[in-house]
């Protein structure tokens, strides 16, 4: 049969709790602490791979800027082509209205 653990109010003045009184309580705090430390180390190892240097970040930005410039040039060429076609159409309209 188990004996009851003495409570603080049942202790005499100057009497300390015995080591047996704390039995089983250390594992209650030890297991969550180990799990927390394990998860923290896994998180740290996984997050270090996501860090980028400044040079690595400039690469995608430069590619996007280059793509934007190419699109702008293509749009300018298309505008010039449309302007020429518009002028040709207006010339033909003037020619046919004079007839």
C-alpha atoms as a PDB file:
ATOM      1  CA  UNK A   1       0.000   0.000   0.000  1.00  0.00           C
ATOM      2  CA  UNK A   2       1.270   3.465  -0.843  1.00  0.00           C
ATOM      3  CA  UNK A   3       2.021   5.922   1.840  1.00  0.00           C
ATOM      4  CA  UNK A   4       0.734   9.433   1.552  1.00  0.00           C
ATOM      5  CA  UNK A   5       3.254  12.097   0.764  1.00  0.00           C
ATOM      6  CA  UNK A   6       3.635  14.571   3.573  1.00  0.00           C
ATOM      7  CA  UNK A   7       2.378  18.037   2.788  1.00  0.00           C
ATOM      8  CA  UNK A   8       4.114  21.196   3.885  1.00  0.00           C
ATOM      9  CA  UNK A   9       1.589  21.937   6.596  1.00  0.00           C
ATOM     10  CA  UNK A  10       2.197  18.526   8.180  1.00  0.00           C
ATOM     11  CA  UNK A  11       5.948  19.101   8.413  1.00  0.00           C
ATOM     12  CA  UNK A  12       7.453  20.175  11.658  1.00  0.00           C
ATOM     13  CA  UNK A  13       9.360  23.454  11.729  1.00  0.00           C
ATOM     14  CA  UNK A  14      12.869  22.916  10.408  1.00  0.00           C
ATOM     15  CA  UNK A  15      11.988  19.596   8.745  1.00  0.00           C
ATOM     16  CA  UNK A  16      12.729  19.314   5.026  1.00  0.00           C
ATOM     17  CA  UNK A  17      10.985  17.286   2.392  1.00  0.00           C
ATOM     18  CA  UNK A  18      12.702  14.053   1.572  1.00  0.00           C
ATOM     19  CA  UNK A  19      13.950  13.086  -1.852  1.00  0.00           C
ATOM     20  CA  UNK A  20      11.193  10.474  -2.136  1.00  0.00           C
ATOM     21  CA  UNK A  21       8.587  13.219  -1.906  1.00  0.00           C
ATOM     22  CA  UNK A  22       9.710  14.633  -5.278  1.00  0.00           C
ATOM     23  CA  UNK A  23       9.754  11.266  -7.069  1.00  0.00           C
ATOM     24  CA  UNK A  24       7.949  11.356 -10.438  1.00  0.00           C
ATOM     25  CA  UNK A  25       7.795  15.132 -10.687  1.00  0.00           C
ATOM     26  CA  UNK A  26      11.108  15.553 -12.508  1.00  0.00           C
ATOM     27  CA  UNK A  27       9.900  13.595 -15.542  1.00  0.00           C
ATOM     28  CA  UNK A  28       6.887  15.874 -15.804  1.00  0.00           C
ATOM     29  CA  UNK A  29       9.181  18.808 -16.574  1.00  0.00           C
ATOM     30  CA  UNK A  30      11.991  16.876 -18.245  1.00  0.00           C
ATOM     31  CA  UNK A  31      10.020  15.413 -21.158  1.00  0.00           C
ATOM     32  CA  UNK A  32       8.473  18.716 -22.386  1.00  0.00           C
ATOM     33  CA  UNK A  33      11.868  20.392 -22.042  1.00  0.00           C
ATOM     34  CA  UNK A  34      13.537  17.736 -24.197  1.00  0.00           C
ATOM     35  CA  UNK A  35      10.771  17.934 -26.800  1.00  0.00           C
ATOM     36  CA  UNK A  36      10.995  21.736 -26.885  1.00  0.00           C
ATOM     37  CA  UNK A  37      14.785  21.666 -27.330  1.00  0.00           C
ATOM     38  CA  UNK A  38      14.489  19.053 -30.074  1.00  0.00           C
ATOM     39  CA  UNK A  39      11.894  21.066 -31.984  1.00  0.00           C
ATOM     40  CA  UNK A  40      13.902  24.255 -31.566  1.00  0.00           C
ATOM     41  CA  UNK A  41      17.041  22.690 -33.029  1.00  0.00           C
ATOM     42  CA  UNK A  42      15.088  21.259 -35.970  1.00  0.00           C
ATOM     43  CA  UNK A  43      13.579  24.681 -36.623  1.00  0.00           C
ATOM     44  CA  UNK A  44      17.005  26.346 -36.512  1.00  0.00           C
ATOM     45  CA  UNK A  45      18.528  23.838 -38.929  1.00  0.00           C
ATOM     46  CA  UNK A  46      15.667  24.136 -41.389  1.00  0.00           C
ATOM     47  CA  UNK A  47      15.482  27.918 -41.324  1.00  0.00           C
ATOM     48  CA  UNK A  48      19.194  28.418 -42.064  1.00  0.00           C
ATOM     49  CA  UNK A  49      18.709  27.095 -45.603  1.00  0.00           C
ATOM     50  CA  UNK A  50      16.244  29.858 -46.403  1.00  0.00           C
ATOM     51  CA  UNK A  51      18.627  32.729 -45.792  1.00  0.00           C
ATOM     52  CA  UNK A  52      19.758  34.472 -48.974  1.00  0.00           C
ATOM     53  CA  UNK A  53      22.702  36.735 -49.452  1.00  0.00           C
ATOM     54  CA  UNK A  54      22.284  40.173 -50.992  1.00  0.00           C
ATOM     55  CA  UNK A  55      23.862  39.012 -54.266  1.00  0.00           C
ATOM     56  CA  UNK A  56      21.388  36.169 -54.606  1.00  0.00           C
ATOM     57  CA  UNK A  57      18.502  38.579 -54.198  1.00  0.00           C
ATOM     58  CA  UNK A  58      19.791  40.861 -56.950  1.00  0.00           C
ATOM     59  CA  UNK A  59      19.688  38.080 -59.562  1.00  0.00           C
ATOM     60  CA  UNK A  60      15.898  37.767 -59.781  1.00  0.00           C
ATOM     61  CA  UNK A  61      15.495  41.546 -59.619  1.00  0.00           C
ATOM     62  CA  UNK A  62      17.880  42.038 -62.536  1.00  0.00           C
ATOM     63  CA  UNK A  63      16.047  39.379 -64.538  1.00  0.00           C
ATOM     64  CA  UNK A  64      12.727  41.110 -63.930  1.00  0.00           C
ATOM     65  CA  UNK A  65      14.176  44.480 -64.925  1.00  0.00           C
ATOM     66  CA  UNK A  66      15.562  42.949 -68.109  1.00  0.00           C
ATOM     67  CA  UNK A  67      12.181  41.397 -68.918  1.00  0.00           C
ATOM     68  CA  UNK A  68      10.458  44.739 -68.315  1.00  0.00           C
ATOM     69  CA  UNK A  69      12.878  46.520 -70.675  1.00  0.00           C
ATOM     70  CA  UNK A  70      12.298  43.888 -73.358  1.00  0.00           C
ATOM     71  CA  UNK A  71       8.534  44.308 -73.015  1.00  0.00           C
ATOM     72  CA  UNK A  72       8.850  48.091 -73.248  1.00  0.00           C
ATOM     73  CA  UNK A  73      10.937  47.796 -76.421  1.00  0.00           C
ATOM     74  CA  UNK A  74       8.422  45.388 -77.946  1.00  0.00           C
ATOM     75  CA  UNK A  75       5.576  47.788 -77.101  1.00  0.00           C
ATOM     76  CA  UNK A  76       7.438  50.727 -78.667  1.00  0.00           C
ATOM     77  CA  UNK A  77       8.015  48.752 -81.871  1.00  0.00           C
ATOM     78  CA  UNK A  78       4.353  47.763 -81.942  1.00  0.00           C
ATOM     79  CA  UNK A  79       3.306  51.414 -81.452  1.00  0.00           C
ATOM     80  CA  UNK A  80       5.565  52.494 -84.319  1.00  0.00           C
ATOM     81  CA  UNK A  81       4.115  49.778 -86.553  1.00  0.00           C
ATOM     82  CA  UNK A  82       0.569  50.829 -85.670  1.00  0.00           C
ATOM     83  CA  UNK A  83       1.405  54.488 -86.285  1.00  0.00           C
ATOM     84  CA  UNK A  84       2.718  53.621 -89.754  1.00  0.00           C
ATOM     85  CA  UNK A  85      -0.397  51.563 -90.511  1.00  0.00           C
ATOM     86  CA  UNK A  86      -2.611  54.400 -89.302  1.00  0.00           C
ATOM     87  CA  UNK A  87      -0.837  56.837 -91.584  1.00  0.00           C
ATOM     88  CA  UNK A  88      -1.202  54.450 -94.555  1.00  0.00           C
ATOM     89  CA  UNK A  89      -4.912  53.990 -93.848  1.00  0.00           C
ATOM     90  CA  UNK A  90      -5.447  57.762 -93.565  1.00  0.00           C
ATOM     91  CA  UNK A  91      -3.586  58.285 -96.849  1.00  0.00           C
ATOM     92  CA  UNK A  92      -5.769  55.693 -98.580  1.00  0.00           C
ATOM     93  CA  UNK A  93      -8.924  57.272 -97.128  1.00  0.00           C
ATOM     94  CA  UNK A  94      -7.841  60.694 -98.414  1.00  0.00           C
ATOM     95  CA  UNK A  95      -7.039  59.194-101.818  1.00  0.00           C
ATOM     96  CA  UNK A  96     -10.452  57.526-102.137  1.00  0.00           C
ATOM     97  CA  UNK A  97     -12.341  60.590-100.898  1.00  0.00           C
ATOM     98  CA  UNK A  98     -10.685  62.712-103.583  1.00  0.00           C
ATOM     99  CA  UNK A  99     -11.811  60.271-106.254  1.00  0.00           C
END
